[in-house]
Amino acid sequence: MNLDWANVAGLLGSTLFIAAFAYANAAKRLDKLWFNLANLVGAALLLISLWVHFNLAAFVLEAAWAMIALWGLLAALRGRGREPAS
């Protein structure tokens, strides 16, 4: 493996996925905004990496992951405006 910029981007994306997964399992209360943002950025970084080092199966997975994360992020943003102040 050549550690070029595309692989570095992919490794950063993978790190974000792992961090978000660990956070989701450790948090008493999941902040969906930050969770989905980390997943969206992670997927975007992996898609950038896959643009250079293409793999169809991984590309489809990451595109779907990004779309679900974007959907969750938008839902979290809409929900934040409706939450009562504490």
C-alpha atoms as a PDB file:
ATOM      1  CA  MET A   1       0.000   0.000   0.000  1.00  0.00           C
ATOM      2  CA  ASN A   2       1.205   3.433  -0.925  1.00  0.00           C
ATOM      3  CA  LEU A   3       0.469   5.991   1.801  1.00  0.00           C
ATOM      4  CA  ASP A   4      -0.635   8.757  -0.566  1.00  0.00           C
ATOM      5  CA  TRP A   5      -3.107  11.539   0.219  1.00  0.00           C
ATOM      6  CA  ALA A   6      -6.074   9.391  -0.869  1.00  0.00           C
ATOM      7  CA  ASN A   7      -5.173   6.625   1.568  1.00  0.00           C
ATOM      8  CA  VAL A   8      -4.628   9.182   4.334  1.00  0.00           C
ATOM      9  CA  ALA A   9      -8.125  10.594   3.636  1.00  0.00           C
ATOM     10  CA  GLY A  10      -9.560   7.074   3.794  1.00  0.00           C
ATOM     11  CA  LEU A  11      -7.794   6.333   7.065  1.00  0.00           C
ATOM     12  CA  LEU A  12      -9.119   9.582   8.573  1.00  0.00           C
ATOM     13  CA  GLY A  13     -12.627   8.643   7.430  1.00  0.00           C
ATOM     14  CA  SER A  14     -12.271   5.190   8.984  1.00  0.00           C
ATOM     15  CA  THR A  15     -11.050   6.776  12.207  1.00  0.00           C
ATOM     16  CA  LEU A  16     -14.144   8.996  12.321  1.00  0.00           C
ATOM     17  CA  PHE A  17     -16.411   5.959  11.811  1.00  0.00           C
ATOM     18  CA  ILE A  18     -14.712   4.070  14.625  1.00  0.00           C
ATOM     19  CA  ALA A  19     -14.826   7.085  16.938  1.00  0.00           C
ATOM     20  CA  ALA A  20     -18.532   7.664  16.204  1.00  0.00           C
ATOM     21  CA  PHE A  21     -19.323   3.979  16.792  1.00  0.00           C
ATOM     22  CA  ALA A  22     -17.416   3.970  20.078  1.00  0.00           C
ATOM     23  CA  TYR A  23     -19.167   7.191  21.134  1.00  0.00           C
ATOM     24  CA  ALA A  24     -22.591   5.726  20.252  1.00  0.00           C
ATOM     25  CA  ASN A  25     -21.894   2.715  22.450  1.00  0.00           C
ATOM     26  CA  ALA A  26     -20.399   4.670  25.362  1.00  0.00           C
ATOM     27  CA  ALA A  27     -22.679   7.708  25.536  1.00  0.00           C
ATOM     28  CA  LYS A  28     -25.520   7.774  28.018  1.00  0.00           C
ATOM     29  CA  ARG A  29     -27.379  10.117  25.654  1.00  0.00           C
ATOM     30  CA  LEU A  30     -26.481  10.125  21.963  1.00  0.00           C
ATOM     31  CA  ASP A  31     -26.098  13.535  20.326  1.00  0.00           C
ATOM     32  CA  LYS A  32     -27.485  12.670  16.890  1.00  0.00           C
ATOM     33  CA  LEU A  33     -26.135  15.872  15.354  1.00  0.00           C
ATOM     34  CA  TRP A  34     -22.501  15.063  16.164  1.00  0.00           C
ATOM     35  CA  PHE A  35     -22.937  11.337  15.514  1.00  0.00           C
ATOM     36  CA  ASN A  36     -24.361  11.878  12.027  1.00  0.00           C
ATOM     37  CA  LEU A  37     -21.898  14.656  11.239  1.00  0.00           C
ATOM     38  CA  ALA A  38     -18.966  12.368  12.084  1.00  0.00           C
ATOM     39  CA  ASN A  39     -20.471   9.624   9.930  1.00  0.00           C
ATOM     40  CA  LEU A  40     -21.101  12.009   7.021  1.00  0.00           C
ATOM     41  CA  VAL A  41     -17.568  13.433   7.093  1.00  0.00           C
ATOM     42  CA  GLY A  42     -16.125   9.931   7.486  1.00  0.00           C
ATOM     43  CA  ALA A  43     -18.099   8.686   4.481  1.00  0.00           C
ATOM     44  CA  ALA A  44     -17.068  11.724   2.427  1.00  0.00           C
ATOM     45  CA  LEU A  45     -13.395  11.135   3.211  1.00  0.00           C
ATOM     46  CA  LEU A  46     -13.703   7.478   2.266  1.00  0.00           C
ATOM     47  CA  LEU A  47     -15.499   8.413  -0.974  1.00  0.00           C
ATOM     48  CA  ILE A  48     -12.625  10.772  -1.807  1.00  0.00           C
ATOM     49  CA  SER A  49     -10.207   7.923  -1.197  1.00  0.00           C
ATOM     50  CA  LEU A  50     -12.321   5.581  -3.334  1.00  0.00           C
ATOM     51  CA  TRP A  51     -12.384   8.116  -6.155  1.00  0.00           C
ATOM     52  CA  VAL A  52      -8.640   7.522  -6.504  1.00  0.00           C
ATOM     53  CA  HIS A  53      -8.479   3.834  -5.511  1.00  0.00           C
ATOM     54  CA  PHE A  54     -11.849   2.645  -6.825  1.00  0.00           C
ATOM     55  CA  ASN A  55     -13.707  -0.359  -5.428  1.00  0.00           C
ATOM     56  CA  LEU A  56     -17.348  -0.605  -6.522  1.00  0.00           C
ATOM     57  CA  ALA A  57     -18.665  -2.450  -3.456  1.00  0.00           C
ATOM     58  CA  ALA A  58     -16.990  -0.031  -1.033  1.00  0.00           C
ATOM     59  CA  PHE A  59     -18.119   2.973  -3.108  1.00  0.00           C
ATOM     60  CA  VAL A  60     -21.773   1.851  -3.000  1.00  0.00           C
ATOM     61  CA  LEU A  61     -21.531   1.217   0.747  1.00  0.00           C
ATOM     62  CA  GLU A  62     -19.996   4.629   1.459  1.00  0.00           C
ATOM     63  CA  ALA A  63     -22.462   6.463  -0.799  1.00  0.00           C
ATOM     64  CA  ALA A  64     -25.370   4.817   1.048  1.00  0.00           C
ATOM     65  CA  TRP A  65     -23.704   5.545   4.406  1.00  0.00           C
ATOM     66  CA  ALA A  66     -23.304   9.207   3.448  1.00  0.00           C
ATOM     67  CA  MET A  67     -26.944   9.503   2.360  1.00  0.00           C
ATOM     68  CA  ILE A  68     -28.219   7.943   5.598  1.00  0.00           C
ATOM     69  CA  ALA A  69     -25.907  10.161   7.665  1.00  0.00           C
ATOM     70  CA  LEU A  70     -27.094  13.249   5.750  1.00  0.00           C
ATOM     71  CA  TRP A  71     -30.709  12.245   6.370  1.00  0.00           C
ATOM     72  CA  GLY A  72     -29.971  11.753  10.078  1.00  0.00           C
ATOM     73  CA  LEU A  73     -28.077  15.038  10.266  1.00  0.00           C
ATOM     74  CA  LEU A  74     -30.953  16.977   8.703  1.00  0.00           C
ATOM     75  CA  ALA A  75     -33.441  15.287  11.050  1.00  0.00           C
ATOM     76  CA  ALA A  76     -31.228  16.148  14.031  1.00  0.00           C
ATOM     77  CA  LEU A  77     -30.998  19.772  12.917  1.00  0.00           C
ATOM     78  CA  ARG A  78     -34.791  20.008  12.497  1.00  0.00           C
ATOM     79  CA  GLY A  79     -35.278  18.378  15.904  1.00  0.00           C
ATOM     80  CA  ARG A  80     -32.947  20.808  17.656  1.00  0.00           C
ATOM     81  CA  GLY A  81     -35.256  23.710  16.872  1.00  0.00           C
ATOM     82  CA  ARG A  82     -38.170  21.914  18.550  1.00  0.00           C
ATOM     83  CA  GLU A  83     -36.450  20.860  21.769  1.00  0.00           C
ATOM     84  CA  PRO A  84     -37.517  22.714  24.913  1.00  0.00           C
ATOM     85  CA  ALA A  85     -34.812  24.818  26.553  1.00  0.00           C
ATOM     86  CA  SER A  86     -33.314  23.228  29.660  1.00  0.00           C
END
